[in-house]
Amino acid sequence: MNFVVEFYRLRDADEAMLDRVSLEAPNLRVALQGATELFRSLAMPQIPDRLRISDENGSELYAGPADGTYQADR
């Protein structure tokens, strides 16, 4: 399945997009793990504090901390 991972900073109610990456993964759990690895390896202009994962149709599947401290049961 193709996922879109967006890394952003959240300040008050404003979001600043830092990077958007397409990621191929069999399910959301693996996509979250891949997003965590990308968080650690991508060279972004600032350090993101949030990430959003959407499916290929743009439906949001996850939004949470960019450092991988997401819920383990997802």
PDB file of N, CA and C in Angstrom:
ATOM      1  N   MET A   1       0.846  -1.175   0.000  1.00  0.00           N
ATOM      2  CA  MET A   1       0.000   0.000   0.000  1.00  0.00           C
ATOM      3  C   MET A   1       0.892   1.239   0.000  1.00  0.00           C
ATOM      4  N   ASN A   2       0.468   2.249  -0.709  1.00  0.00           N
ATOM      5  CA  ASN A   2       1.232   3.489  -0.777  1.00  0.00           C
ATOM      6  C   ASN A   2       0.705   4.478   0.266  1.00  0.00           C
ATOM      7  N   PHE A   3       1.608   4.978   1.097  1.00  0.00           N
ATOM      8  CA  PHE A   3       1.278   5.963   2.124  1.00  0.00           C
ATOM      9  C   PHE A   3       2.001   7.261   1.817  1.00  0.00           C
ATOM     10  N   VAL A   4       1.468   8.365   2.312  1.00  0.00           N
ATOM     11  CA  VAL A   4       2.134   9.657   2.229  1.00  0.00           C
ATOM     12  C   VAL A   4       2.415  10.111   3.654  1.00  0.00           C
ATOM     13  N   VAL A   5       3.687  10.368   3.930  1.00  0.00           N
ATOM     14  CA  VAL A   5       4.105  10.808   5.258  1.00  0.00           C
ATOM     15  C   VAL A   5       4.453  12.290   5.168  1.00  0.00           C
ATOM     16  N   GLU A   6       3.834  13.085   6.017  1.00  0.00           N
ATOM     17  CA  GLU A   6       4.106  14.519   6.070  1.00  0.00           C
ATOM     18  C   GLU A   6       4.703  14.855   7.437  1.00  0.00           C
ATOM     19  N   PHE A   7       5.856  15.486   7.408  1.00  0.00           N
ATOM     20  CA  PHE A   7       6.505  15.943   8.630  1.00  0.00           C
ATOM     21  C   PHE A   7       6.251  17.442   8.758  1.00  0.00           C
ATOM     22  N   TYR A   8       5.843  17.877   9.947  1.00  0.00           N
ATOM     23  CA  TYR A   8       5.548  19.292  10.131  1.00  0.00           C
ATOM     24  C   TYR A   8       5.811  19.733  11.551  1.00  0.00           C
ATOM     25  N   ARG A   9       5.857  21.039  11.725  1.00  0.00           N
ATOM     26  CA  ARG A   9       5.967  21.645  13.054  1.00  0.00           C
ATOM     27  C   ARG A   9       4.629  22.278  13.370  1.00  0.00           C
ATOM     28  N   LEU A  10       4.220  22.156  14.604  1.00  0.00           N
ATOM     29  CA  LEU A  10       2.950  22.713  15.054  1.00  0.00           C
ATOM     30  C   LEU A  10       3.237  23.798  16.078  1.00  0.00           C
ATOM     31  N   ARG A  11       2.782  25.004  15.772  1.00  0.00           N
ATOM     32  CA  ARG A  11       2.931  26.138  16.686  1.00  0.00           C
ATOM     33  C   ARG A  11       1.584  26.804  16.812  1.00  0.00           C
ATOM     34  N   ASP A  12       1.056  26.807  18.032  1.00  0.00           N
ATOM     35  CA  ASP A  12      -0.301  27.283  18.282  1.00  0.00           C
ATOM     36  C   ASP A  12      -1.245  26.488  17.375  1.00  0.00           C
ATOM     37  N   ALA A  13      -1.947  27.122  16.488  1.00  0.00           N
ATOM     38  CA  ALA A  13      -2.852  26.398  15.590  1.00  0.00           C
ATOM     39  C   ALA A  13      -2.290  26.310  14.172  1.00  0.00           C
ATOM     40  N   ASP A  14      -1.049  26.774  13.970  1.00  0.00           N
ATOM     41  CA  ASP A  14      -0.454  26.804  12.641  1.00  0.00           C
ATOM     42  C   ASP A  14       0.457  25.603  12.422  1.00  0.00           C
ATOM     43  N   GLU A  15       0.397  25.047  11.204  1.00  0.00           N
ATOM     44  CA  GLU A  15       1.272  23.957  10.811  1.00  0.00           C
ATOM     45  C   GLU A  15       2.251  24.457   9.760  1.00  0.00           C
ATOM     46  N   ALA A  16       3.516  24.082   9.907  1.00  0.00           N
ATOM     47  CA  ALA A  16       4.530  24.395   8.911  1.00  0.00           C
ATOM     48  C   ALA A  16       5.059  23.079   8.349  1.00  0.00           C
ATOM     49  N   MET A  17       4.725  22.782   7.087  1.00  0.00           N
ATOM     50  CA  MET A  17       5.154  21.546   6.439  1.00  0.00           C
ATOM     51  C   MET A  17       6.653  21.593   6.185  1.00  0.00           C
ATOM     52  N   LEU A  18       7.365  20.541   6.605  1.00  0.00           N
ATOM     53  CA  LEU A  18       8.810  20.475   6.407  1.00  0.00           C
ATOM     54  C   LEU A  18       9.193  19.507   5.300  1.00  0.00           C
ATOM     55  N   ASP A  19       8.451  18.413   5.169  1.00  0.00           N
ATOM     56  CA  ASP A  19       8.763  17.443   4.125  1.00  0.00           C
ATOM     57  C   ASP A  19       7.568  16.521   3.921  1.00  0.00           C
ATOM     58  N   ARG A  20       7.435  16.028   2.704  1.00  0.00           N
ATOM     59  CA  ARG A  20       6.380  15.066   2.351  1.00  0.00           C
ATOM     60  C   ARG A  20       7.055  13.949   1.573  1.00  0.00           C
ATOM     61  N   VAL A  21       6.836  12.701   2.027  1.00  0.00           N
ATOM     62  CA  VAL A  21       7.516  11.553   1.439  1.00  0.00           C
ATOM     63  C   VAL A  21       6.491  10.462   1.158  1.00  0.00           C
ATOM     64  N   SER A  22       6.621   9.823   0.004  1.00  0.00           N
ATOM     65  CA  SER A  22       5.802   8.670  -0.324  1.00  0.00           C
ATOM     66  C   SER A  22       6.497   7.432   0.237  1.00  0.00           C
ATOM     67  N   LEU A  23       5.722   6.531   0.803  1.00  0.00           N
ATOM     68  CA  LEU A  23       6.289   5.360   1.471  1.00  0.00           C
ATOM     69  C   LEU A  23       5.440   4.137   1.130  1.00  0.00           C
ATOM     70  N   GLU A  24       6.075   3.086   0.666  1.00  0.00           N
ATOM     71  CA  GLU A  24       5.388   1.837   0.367  1.00  0.00           C
ATOM     72  C   GLU A  24       5.520   0.920   1.577  1.00  0.00           C
ATOM     73  N   ALA A  25       4.390   0.428   2.084  1.00  0.00           N
ATOM     74  CA  ALA A  25       4.382  -0.453   3.256  1.00  0.00           C
ATOM     75  C   ALA A  25       3.132  -1.329   3.194  1.00  0.00           C
ATOM     76  N   PRO A  26       3.183  -2.521   3.789  1.00  0.00           N
ATOM     77  CA  PRO A  26       2.030  -3.418   3.736  1.00  0.00           C
ATOM     78  C   PRO A  26       0.868  -2.987   4.628  1.00  0.00           C
ATOM     79  N   ASN A  27       1.158  -2.214   5.690  1.00  0.00           N
ATOM     80  CA  ASN A  27       0.096  -1.779   6.602  1.00  0.00           C
ATOM     81  C   ASN A  27       0.550  -0.525   7.363  1.00  0.00           C
ATOM     82  N   LEU A  28      -0.368   0.019   8.139  1.00  0.00           N
ATOM     83  CA  LEU A  28      -0.088   1.264   8.857  1.00  0.00           C
ATOM     84  C   LEU A  28       1.022   1.099   9.886  1.00  0.00           C
ATOM     85  N   ARG A  29       1.070  -0.017  10.571  1.00  0.00           N
ATOM     86  CA  ARG A  29       2.110  -0.239  11.585  1.00  0.00           C
ATOM     87  C   ARG A  29       3.507  -0.154  10.962  1.00  0.00           C
ATOM     88  N   VAL A  30       3.691  -0.801   9.829  1.00  0.00           N
ATOM     89  CA  VAL A  30       4.987  -0.767   9.148  1.00  0.00           C
ATOM     90  C   VAL A  30       5.261   0.637   8.613  1.00  0.00           C
ATOM     91  N   ALA A  31       4.229   1.323   8.149  1.00  0.00           N
ATOM     92  CA  ALA A  31       4.388   2.704   7.688  1.00  0.00           C
ATOM     93  C   ALA A  31       4.839   3.603   8.836  1.00  0.00           C
ATOM     94  N   LEU A  32       4.303   3.411  10.035  1.00  0.00           N
ATOM     95  CA  LEU A  32       4.728   4.189  11.205  1.00  0.00           C
ATOM     96  C   LEU A  32       6.193   3.924  11.538  1.00  0.00           C
ATOM     97  N   GLN A  33       6.593   2.666  11.438  1.00  0.00           N
ATOM     98  CA  GLN A  33       7.993   2.331  11.690  1.00  0.00           C
ATOM     99  C   GLN A  33       8.901   2.980  10.649  1.00  0.00           C
ATOM    100  N   GLY A  34       8.471   2.945   9.378  1.00  0.00           N
ATOM    101  CA  GLY A  34       9.238   3.586   8.320  1.00  0.00           C
ATOM    102  C   GLY A  34       9.319   5.093   8.509  1.00  0.00           C
ATOM    103  N   ALA A  35       8.221   5.694   8.943  1.00  0.00           N
ATOM    104  CA  ALA A  35       8.207   7.143   9.180  1.00  0.00           C
ATOM    105  C   ALA A  35       9.177   7.509  10.301  1.00  0.00           C
ATOM    106  N   THR A  36       9.266   6.676  11.324  1.00  0.00           N
ATOM    107  CA  THR A  36      10.208   6.920  12.418  1.00  0.00           C
ATOM    108  C   THR A  36      11.643   6.874  11.914  1.00  0.00           C
ATOM    109  N   GLU A  37      11.938   5.918  11.040  1.00  0.00           N
ATOM    110  CA  GLU A  37      13.280   5.842  10.461  1.00  0.00           C
ATOM    111  C   GLU A  37      13.568   7.068   9.592  1.00  0.00           C
ATOM    112  N   LEU A  38      12.582   7.499   8.821  1.00  0.00           N
ATOM    113  CA  LEU A  38      12.754   8.703   8.004  1.00  0.00           C
ATOM    114  C   LEU A  38      12.993   9.933   8.874  1.00  0.00           C
ATOM    115  N   PHE A  39      12.283  10.021  10.002  1.00  0.00           N
ATOM    116  CA  PHE A  39      12.464  11.136  10.937  1.00  0.00           C
ATOM    117  C   PHE A  39      13.923  11.248  11.350  1.00  0.00           C
ATOM    118  N   ARG A  40      14.555  10.120  11.560  1.00  0.00           N
ATOM    119  CA  ARG A  40      15.942  10.112  12.020  1.00  0.00           C
ATOM    120  C   ARG A  40      16.955  10.314  10.898  1.00  0.00           C
ATOM    121  N   SER A  41      16.561  10.041   9.641  1.00  0.00           N
ATOM    122  CA  SER A  41      17.541  10.066   8.561  1.00  0.00           C
ATOM    123  C   SER A  41      17.394  11.224   7.566  1.00  0.00           C
ATOM    124  N   LEU A  42      16.225  11.810   7.447  1.00  0.00           N
ATOM    125  CA  LEU A  42      16.034  12.896   6.484  1.00  0.00           C
ATOM    126  C   LEU A  42      16.682  14.189   6.973  1.00  0.00           C
ATOM    127  N   ALA A  43      17.277  14.913   6.054  1.00  0.00           N
ATOM    128  CA  ALA A  43      17.840  16.229   6.375  1.00  0.00           C
ATOM    129  C   ALA A  43      16.757  17.266   6.081  1.00  0.00           C
ATOM    130  N   MET A  44      16.097  17.736   7.123  1.00  0.00           N
ATOM    131  CA  MET A  44      15.034  18.726   6.981  1.00  0.00           C
ATOM    132  C   MET A  44      15.523  20.069   7.519  1.00  0.00           C
ATOM    133  N   PRO A  45      14.941  21.162   7.047  1.00  0.00           N
ATOM    134  CA  PRO A  45      15.403  22.492   7.478  1.00  0.00           C
ATOM    135  C   PRO A  45      15.211  22.740   8.973  1.00  0.00           C
ATOM    136  N   GLN A  46      14.230  22.099   9.573  1.00  0.00           N
ATOM    137  CA  GLN A  46      13.993  22.170  11.018  1.00  0.00           C
ATOM    138  C   GLN A  46      13.635  20.771  11.498  1.00  0.00           C
ATOM    139  N   ILE A  47      13.645  20.576  12.779  1.00  0.00           N
ATOM    140  CA  ILE A  47      13.259  19.277  13.329  1.00  0.00           C
ATOM    141  C   ILE A  47      11.743  19.258  13.497  1.00  0.00           C
ATOM    142  N   PRO A  48      11.075  18.322  12.816  1.00  0.00           N
ATOM    143  CA  PRO A  48       9.616  18.259  12.944  1.00  0.00           C
ATOM    144  C   PRO A  48       9.211  17.748  14.317  1.00  0.00           C
ATOM    145  N   ASP A  49       8.055  18.173  14.781  1.00  0.00           N
ATOM    146  CA  ASP A  49       7.551  17.626  16.037  1.00  0.00           C
ATOM    147  C   ASP A  49       6.305  16.765  15.820  1.00  0.00           C
ATOM    148  N   ARG A  50       5.753  16.797  14.618  1.00  0.00           N
ATOM    149  CA  ARG A  50       4.546  16.015  14.325  1.00  0.00           C
ATOM    150  C   ARG A  50       4.685  15.359  12.954  1.00  0.00           C
ATOM    151  N   LEU A  51       3.930  14.287  12.757  1.00  0.00           N
ATOM    152  CA  LEU A  51       3.830  13.684  11.443  1.00  0.00           C
ATOM    153  C   LEU A  51       2.400  13.262  11.201  1.00  0.00           C
ATOM    154  N   ARG A  52       2.080  13.163   9.925  1.00  0.00           N
ATOM    155  CA  ARG A  52       0.748  12.732   9.501  1.00  0.00           C
ATOM    156  C   ARG A  52       0.965  11.672   8.435  1.00  0.00           C
ATOM    157  N   ILE A  53       0.200  10.586   8.531  1.00  0.00           N
ATOM    158  CA  ILE A  53       0.246   9.550   7.506  1.00  0.00           C
ATOM    159  C   ILE A  53      -1.129   9.460   6.878  1.00  0.00           C
ATOM    160  N   SER A  54      -1.134   9.532   5.550  1.00  0.00           N
ATOM    161  CA  SER A  54      -2.381   9.451   4.787  1.00  0.00           C
ATOM    162  C   SER A  54      -2.270   8.308   3.797  1.00  0.00           C
ATOM    163  N   ASP A  55      -3.423   7.808   3.357  1.00  0.00           N
ATOM    164  CA  ASP A  55      -3.392   6.805   2.309  1.00  0.00           C
ATOM    165  C   ASP A  55      -3.292   7.494   0.957  1.00  0.00           C
ATOM    166  N   GLU A  56      -3.255   6.714  -0.102  1.00  0.00           N
ATOM    167  CA  GLU A  56      -3.064   7.282  -1.442  1.00  0.00           C
ATOM    168  C   GLU A  56      -4.228   8.154  -1.893  1.00  0.00           C
ATOM    169  N   ASN A  57      -5.383   8.063  -1.203  1.00  0.00           N
ATOM    170  CA  ASN A  57      -6.538   8.903  -1.527  1.00  0.00           C
ATOM    171  C   ASN A  57      -6.583  10.184  -0.699  1.00  0.00           C
ATOM    172  N   GLY A  58      -5.616  10.350   0.203  1.00  0.00           N
ATOM    173  CA  GLY A  58      -5.560  11.551   1.016  1.00  0.00           C
ATOM    174  C   GLY A  58      -6.281  11.443   2.349  1.00  0.00           C
ATOM    175  N   SER A  59      -6.813  10.268   2.670  1.00  0.00           N
ATOM    176  CA  SER A  59      -7.490  10.071   3.964  1.00  0.00           C
ATOM    177  C   SER A  59      -6.448   9.939   5.072  1.00  0.00           C
ATOM    178  N   GLU A  60      -6.566  10.763   6.097  1.00  0.00           N
ATOM    179  CA  GLU A  60      -5.618  10.725   7.211  1.00  0.00           C
ATOM    180  C   GLU A  60      -5.824   9.448   8.015  1.00  0.00           C
ATOM    181  N   LEU A  61      -4.725   8.710   8.222  1.00  0.00           N
ATOM    182  CA  LEU A  61      -4.770   7.465   8.981  1.00  0.00           C
ATOM    183  C   LEU A  61      -4.117   7.609  10.342  1.00  0.00           C
ATOM    184  N   TYR A  62      -3.192   8.548  10.458  1.00  0.00           N
ATOM    185  CA  TYR A  62      -2.480   8.759  11.720  1.00  0.00           C
ATOM    186  C   TYR A  62      -1.954  10.177  11.767  1.00  0.00           C
ATOM    187  N   ALA A  63      -1.983  10.779  12.926  1.00  0.00           N
ATOM    188  CA  ALA A  63      -1.329  12.055  13.190  1.00  0.00           C
ATOM    189  C   ALA A  63      -0.809  11.992  14.616  1.00  0.00           C
ATOM    190  N   GLY A  64       0.462  12.295  14.794  1.00  0.00           N
ATOM    191  CA  GLY A  64       1.020  12.224  16.135  1.00  0.00           C
ATOM    192  C   GLY A  64       2.465  12.681  16.170  1.00  0.00           C
ATOM    193  N   PRO A  65       3.155  12.367  17.262  1.00  0.00           N
ATOM    194  CA  PRO A  65       4.541  12.805  17.436  1.00  0.00           C
ATOM    195  C   PRO A  65       5.451  12.248  16.341  1.00  0.00           C
ATOM    196  N   ALA A  66       6.371  13.054  15.871  1.00  0.00           N
ATOM    197  CA  ALA A  66       7.265  12.643  14.782  1.00  0.00           C
ATOM    198  C   ALA A  66       8.390  11.735  15.248  1.00  0.00           C
ATOM    199  N   ASP A  67       8.619  11.654  16.549  1.00  0.00           N
ATOM    200  CA  ASP A  67       9.757  10.877  17.035  1.00  0.00           C
ATOM    201  C   ASP A  67       9.455   9.405  17.274  1.00  0.00           C
ATOM    202  N   GLY A  68       8.270   8.954  16.886  1.00  0.00           N
ATOM    203  CA  GLY A  68       7.950   7.536  16.999  1.00  0.00           C
ATOM    204  C   GLY A  68       7.310   7.127  18.302  1.00  0.00           C
ATOM    205  N   THR A  69       6.914   8.064  19.121  1.00  0.00           N
ATOM    206  CA  THR A  69       6.275   7.725  20.392  1.00  0.00           C
ATOM    207  C   THR A  69       4.770   7.533  20.198  1.00  0.00           C
ATOM    208  N   TYR A  70       4.413   6.889  19.099  1.00  0.00           N
ATOM    209  CA  TYR A  70       3.011   6.615  18.812  1.00  0.00           C
ATOM    210  C   TYR A  70       2.545   5.419  19.644  1.00  0.00           C
ATOM    211  N   GLN A  71       1.267   5.217  19.665  1.00  0.00           N
ATOM    212  CA  GLN A  71       0.690   4.115  20.439  1.00  0.00           C
ATOM    213  C   GLN A  71       1.064   2.792  19.805  1.00  0.00           C
ATOM    214  N   ALA A  72       1.543   1.864  20.613  1.00  0.00           N
ATOM    215  CA  ALA A  72       2.009   0.577  20.119  1.00  0.00           C
ATOM    216  C   ALA A  72       0.874  -0.308  19.595  1.00  0.00           C
ATOM    217  N   ASP A  73      -0.348  -0.055  19.991  1.00  0.00           N
ATOM    218  CA  ASP A  73      -1.451  -0.924  19.579  1.00  0.00           C
ATOM    219  C   ASP A  73      -2.056  -0.530  18.236  1.00  0.00           C
ATOM    220  N   ARG A  74      -1.541   0.467  17.584  1.00  0.00           N
ATOM    221  CA  ARG A  74      -2.089   0.891  16.296  1.00  0.00           C
ATOM    222  C   ARG A  74      -1.601   0.021  15.184  1.00  0.00           C
TER     223      ARG A  74
END
